[in-house]
Amino acid sequence: MGDLDRGWIPWHVFILTCLYCLVPSIALYIGGTYIDEPWILILVIHWIIMVLIPWIFVEVFHFYRYGEFNYFYSSFGSSQDFTGLIMALVFAGIVVLIYWLCCGPLGYDLKSTVQQFPLSDNDFLKILEIAYFILIKPHVEEFFWRNYNYEIFGINEFYFLLVSFFWALTYTVIALLAGAELMWALIICAIFIALGRYLIWVRWKYECFANYAVHCGICLGVIICYFLADAGKF
C-alpha cells in the first residue's frame, strides 16, 4: 500500500471531513432519542447524509481533490466476485455463531436485543425492509465509508483506522440506544473498528464488490439471528 500513499491531506480538509464523519453518529443519537419511526431515521441518514450531501460536496462545490462519487462497482463481474460471495456466507455464519455462543454456552440472552430490530408486522413491508437491510444498506454504507471517505483521506494506516473508528462509532451509538452497558458498547466499538479495517483490506485486495458482498453477508447473518430470536431459538 505504501506505493500509493498520498501522504497527509490539508488540515482544513482533515478537520471538515472528520466533523462530517461524526454526523451519522450524532444523527443516530438524536434521532434514536426523539424519532419514533426508525426507518425514517435510517433513510435520512443514508440518502441525505451519506448520499446527497457528499454529492453536493464533490459534484457541485468540487471541494475534494480526491473525492469520488461513483456508485458502480468497477470490479463487478471480475474473478474476485466468487471470493467475495464465499466471504459473505462465511461472515453470515460467523454472526449466527456469535449469537449462538452468547445465548448458549456464554449465557448472555441476546434474543430481546435482536428482537429490537425494526421490522414491520406487515408481511410485504417486512420483505422490503429485509431486502433493504441486506442489499441496499451495505451498498450505501460501503460507498460512504470505504469509497467516498477512503478517497478523501490519504491512503495510509492512520486514515484507514480513523475511517473505521467513525464507522464503528455509529454502531456504538446504536448499542447504547439499545440499552447496552458502556463496557459492551466499547467492546462493540473495538469489534467494528477491526471489522472496518478488514473491509478496507478486502476492498484493496479484492476490489469494491467483494467488501460490499461481505457487508451483505453480515447483514444476512443479523436477519437470520432475528428470525431465530423471534422463534425463541437458543
Protein backbone atom coordinates (compact mmCIF):
# COMPACT_ATOMS: atom_id res chain seq x y z
CA MET A 1 0.00 0.00 0.00
CA GLY A 2 2.92 2.30 0.54
CA ASP A 3 3.47 2.89 -3.18
CA LEU A 4 0.08 4.58 -3.38
CA ASP A 5 0.48 6.65 -0.22
CA ARG A 6 -0.82 10.16 -0.89
CA GLY A 7 0.59 11.47 2.39
CA TRP A 8 -1.29 13.88 4.59
CA ILE A 9 -4.28 15.86 3.38
CA PRO A 10 -4.61 19.61 4.14
CA TRP A 11 -5.56 20.27 7.75
CA HIS A 12 -8.81 22.10 6.92
CA VAL A 13 -9.96 19.19 4.74
CA PHE A 14 -9.00 16.77 7.50
CA ILE A 15 -10.97 18.68 10.15
CA LEU A 16 -14.06 19.16 7.98
CA THR A 17 -14.07 15.52 6.90
CA CYS A 18 -13.68 14.28 10.48
CA LEU A 19 -16.52 16.53 11.61
CA TYR A 20 -18.73 15.28 8.82
CA CYS A 21 -17.87 11.67 9.67
CA LEU A 22 -19.38 12.35 13.09
CA VAL A 23 -22.70 13.47 11.61
CA PRO A 24 -24.18 9.95 11.13
CA SER A 25 -23.47 9.09 14.78
CA ILE A 26 -24.90 12.40 16.02
CA ALA A 27 -27.98 11.94 13.83
CA LEU A 28 -28.42 8.40 15.13
CA TYR A 29 -28.23 9.53 18.74
CA ILE A 30 -30.59 12.49 18.35
CA GLY A 31 -32.97 10.65 16.04
CA GLY A 32 -32.92 7.50 18.13
CA THR A 33 -33.85 9.58 21.16
CA TYR A 34 -36.61 11.72 19.62
CA ILE A 35 -37.87 9.96 16.47
CA ASP A 36 -40.27 7.05 16.98
CA GLU A 37 -40.05 5.68 13.43
CA PRO A 38 -36.55 4.18 12.95
CA TRP A 39 -36.89 3.69 9.20
CA ILE A 40 -37.36 7.41 8.65
CA LEU A 41 -34.10 7.98 10.51
CA ILE A 42 -32.32 5.25 8.53
CA LEU A 43 -33.45 6.68 5.19
CA VAL A 44 -32.49 10.24 6.16
CA ILE A 45 -29.00 9.15 7.25
CA HIS A 46 -28.46 7.01 4.17
CA TRP A 47 -29.86 9.16 1.39
CA ILE A 48 -29.31 12.69 2.70
CA ILE A 49 -26.24 12.45 4.94
CA MET A 50 -24.40 9.69 3.09
CA VAL A 51 -25.52 10.35 -0.49
CA LEU A 52 -26.99 13.79 -1.24
CA ILE A 53 -24.62 15.98 0.77
CA PRO A 54 -21.45 14.15 -0.38
CA TRP A 55 -22.71 14.51 -3.94
CA ILE A 56 -23.04 18.28 -3.38
CA PHE A 57 -19.53 18.41 -1.89
CA VAL A 58 -18.00 16.60 -4.86
CA GLU A 59 -20.11 17.46 -7.89
CA VAL A 60 -21.35 20.96 -7.06
CA PHE A 61 -18.59 22.55 -4.97
CA HIS A 62 -15.72 20.31 -6.13
CA PHE A 63 -14.47 20.53 -2.56
CA TYR A 64 -12.29 17.43 -2.52
CA ARG A 65 -9.40 16.78 -4.81
CA TYR A 66 -9.66 13.01 -4.44
CA GLY A 67 -13.37 12.63 -3.61
CA GLU A 68 -15.27 10.39 -5.95
CA PHE A 69 -18.98 9.95 -6.47
CA ASN A 70 -19.24 6.60 -8.15
CA TYR A 71 -21.97 4.15 -7.19
CA PHE A 72 -20.97 1.44 -9.60
CA TYR A 73 -18.57 -1.38 -8.83
CA SER A 74 -15.86 -1.35 -11.46
CA SER A 75 -14.83 -4.83 -10.33
CA PHE A 76 -18.28 -6.39 -10.75
CA GLY A 77 -18.03 -9.46 -12.94
CA SER A 78 -14.36 -10.00 -12.17
CA SER A 79 -12.78 -13.22 -10.98
CA GLN A 80 -12.83 -11.85 -7.42
CA ASP A 81 -16.63 -11.92 -7.19
CA PHE A 82 -16.74 -15.57 -6.18
CA THR A 83 -14.28 -14.88 -3.36
CA GLY A 84 -16.49 -12.04 -2.13
CA LEU A 85 -19.59 -14.24 -2.16
CA ILE A 86 -17.81 -17.01 -0.24
CA MET A 87 -16.65 -14.49 2.36
CA ALA A 88 -20.22 -13.17 2.60
CA LEU A 89 -21.51 -16.65 3.51
CA VAL A 90 -18.67 -17.14 5.97
CA PHE A 91 -19.46 -13.88 7.76
CA ALA A 92 -23.17 -14.66 7.84
CA GLY A 93 -22.22 -17.90 9.57
CA ILE A 94 -19.90 -16.08 11.98
CA VAL A 95 -22.70 -13.71 13.04
CA VAL A 96 -25.06 -16.63 13.70
CA LEU A 97 -22.29 -18.48 15.55
CA ILE A 98 -21.69 -15.47 17.81
CA TYR A 99 -25.43 -15.29 18.52
CA TRP A 100 -25.48 -18.99 19.42
CA LEU A 101 -22.38 -18.72 21.62
CA CYS A 102 -23.80 -15.74 23.53
CA CYS A 103 -27.26 -17.25 24.02
CA GLY A 104 -25.94 -20.74 24.69
CA PRO A 105 -22.54 -21.52 26.23
CA LEU A 106 -21.76 -17.96 27.36
CA GLY A 107 -25.17 -17.41 28.92
CA TYR A 108 -25.91 -13.93 27.50
CA ASP A 109 -29.52 -13.72 26.33
CA LEU A 110 -29.40 -11.69 23.12
CA LYS A 111 -32.92 -12.62 22.00
CA SER A 112 -34.58 -9.49 23.39
CA THR A 113 -31.81 -7.29 21.95
CA VAL A 114 -32.02 -8.85 18.49
CA GLN A 115 -35.81 -8.56 18.52
CA GLN A 116 -35.50 -4.77 18.79
CA PHE A 117 -34.63 -4.80 15.10
CA PRO A 118 -37.26 -2.56 13.46
CA LEU A 119 -39.22 -4.86 11.18
CA SER A 120 -42.86 -4.20 10.32
CA ASP A 121 -45.70 -6.55 11.22
CA ASN A 122 -46.95 -6.22 7.66
CA ASP A 123 -45.50 -9.08 5.61
CA PHE A 124 -45.00 -7.01 2.44
CA LEU A 125 -43.26 -4.19 4.29
CA LYS A 126 -41.18 -6.71 6.21
CA ILE A 127 -39.91 -8.20 2.94
CA LEU A 128 -38.99 -4.74 1.65
CA GLU A 129 -37.23 -3.85 4.91
CA ILE A 130 -35.25 -7.10 4.91
CA ALA A 131 -34.25 -6.59 1.26
CA TYR A 132 -33.18 -3.02 2.02
CA PHE A 133 -31.18 -4.09 5.07
CA ILE A 134 -29.35 -6.91 3.28
CA LEU A 135 -28.81 -5.35 -0.17
CA ILE A 136 -29.17 -1.55 -0.08
CA LYS A 137 -27.83 -0.62 3.36
CA PRO A 138 -24.42 -2.28 2.69
CA HIS A 139 -24.20 -0.54 -0.68
CA VAL A 140 -24.80 2.94 0.76
CA GLU A 141 -22.54 2.44 3.77
CA GLU A 142 -19.70 0.89 1.79
CA PHE A 143 -19.89 3.79 -0.65
CA PHE A 144 -19.81 6.42 2.10
CA TRP A 145 -17.23 4.88 4.44
CA ARG A 146 -14.96 2.86 2.20
CA ASN A 147 -15.26 4.61 -1.13
CA TYR A 148 -16.10 8.30 -0.65
CA ASN A 149 -14.15 8.82 2.59
CA TYR A 150 -11.47 6.33 1.53
CA GLU A 151 -10.74 8.54 -1.47
CA ILE A 152 -10.69 11.77 0.56
CA PHE A 153 -8.32 10.66 3.30
CA GLY A 154 -4.76 9.71 2.44
CA ILE A 155 -4.08 6.06 1.80
CA ASN A 156 -2.20 5.06 4.93
CA GLU A 157 -2.86 3.07 8.10
CA PHE A 158 -3.78 6.04 10.28
CA TYR A 159 -6.57 7.10 7.94
CA PHE A 160 -7.77 3.52 7.50
CA LEU A 161 -8.20 3.16 11.26
CA LEU A 162 -9.73 6.63 11.55
CA VAL A 163 -12.44 5.88 8.98
CA SER A 164 -13.03 2.51 10.66
CA PHE A 165 -13.43 4.27 14.01
CA PHE A 166 -16.04 6.69 12.67
CA TRP A 167 -17.94 3.78 11.12
CA ALA A 168 -17.71 1.81 14.37
CA LEU A 169 -18.98 4.82 16.31
CA THR A 170 -22.35 4.59 14.56
CA TYR A 171 -22.84 1.04 15.81
CA THR A 172 -21.62 2.01 19.26
CA VAL A 173 -24.39 4.63 19.39
CA ILE A 174 -26.92 2.02 18.27
CA ALA A 175 -25.73 -0.32 21.02
CA LEU A 176 -26.08 2.41 23.66
CA LEU A 177 -29.57 3.30 22.42
CA ALA A 178 -30.49 -0.39 22.61
CA GLY A 179 -29.55 -0.37 26.30
CA ALA A 180 -26.05 -1.82 26.21
CA GLU A 181 -23.76 -1.10 29.14
CA LEU A 182 -20.75 1.10 28.47
CA MET A 183 -18.34 -1.85 28.63
CA TRP A 184 -20.28 -3.76 25.96
CA ALA A 185 -20.58 -0.61 23.84
CA LEU A 186 -16.80 -0.20 23.93
CA ILE A 187 -16.33 -3.86 23.01
CA ILE A 188 -18.71 -3.40 20.08
CA CYS A 189 -16.76 -0.31 19.04
CA ALA A 190 -13.48 -2.25 19.06
CA ILE A 191 -15.03 -5.12 17.08
CA PHE A 192 -16.36 -2.79 14.41
CA ILE A 193 -13.07 -0.91 14.16
CA ALA A 194 -11.36 -4.21 13.43
CA LEU A 195 -14.16 -5.21 11.03
CA GLY A 196 -13.96 -1.85 9.25
CA ARG A 197 -10.22 -2.23 8.82
CA TYR A 198 -10.77 -5.73 7.47
CA LEU A 199 -13.32 -4.44 4.95
CA ILE A 200 -10.78 -1.86 3.76
CA TRP A 201 -8.30 -4.69 3.25
CA VAL A 202 -10.95 -6.64 1.31
CA ARG A 203 -11.62 -3.58 -0.84
CA TRP A 204 -7.92 -3.22 -1.51
CA LYS A 205 -7.23 -6.86 -2.30
CA TYR A 206 -10.48 -7.99 -3.97
CA GLU A 207 -11.99 -4.68 -5.20
CA CYS A 208 -15.16 -2.91 -4.10
CA PHE A 209 -17.75 -5.57 -4.89
CA ALA A 210 -16.10 -8.03 -2.50
CA ASN A 211 -16.34 -5.76 0.55
CA TYR A 212 -19.95 -4.97 -0.39
CA ALA A 213 -20.64 -8.72 -0.52
CA VAL A 214 -19.05 -9.25 2.92
CA HIS A 215 -21.19 -6.44 4.35
CA CYS A 216 -24.26 -8.09 2.81
CA GLY A 217 -23.27 -11.35 4.46
CA ILE A 218 -23.03 -9.70 7.87
CA CYS A 219 -26.48 -8.17 7.43
CA LEU A 220 -27.85 -11.54 6.29
CA GLY A 221 -26.49 -13.07 9.49
CA VAL A 222 -28.26 -10.41 11.56
CA ILE A 223 -31.57 -11.16 9.84
CA ILE A 224 -31.12 -14.90 10.45
CA CYS A 225 -30.48 -14.14 14.12
CA TYR A 226 -33.65 -12.02 14.21
CA PHE A 227 -35.79 -14.91 13.00
CA LEU A 228 -34.03 -17.33 15.36
CA ALA A 229 -34.75 -14.97 18.26
CA ASP A 230 -38.34 -14.49 17.09
CA ALA A 231 -38.75 -18.27 17.15
CA GLY A 232 -37.23 -18.45 20.64
CA LYS A 233 -34.18 -20.37 19.45
CA PHE A 234 -31.03 -20.61 21.59
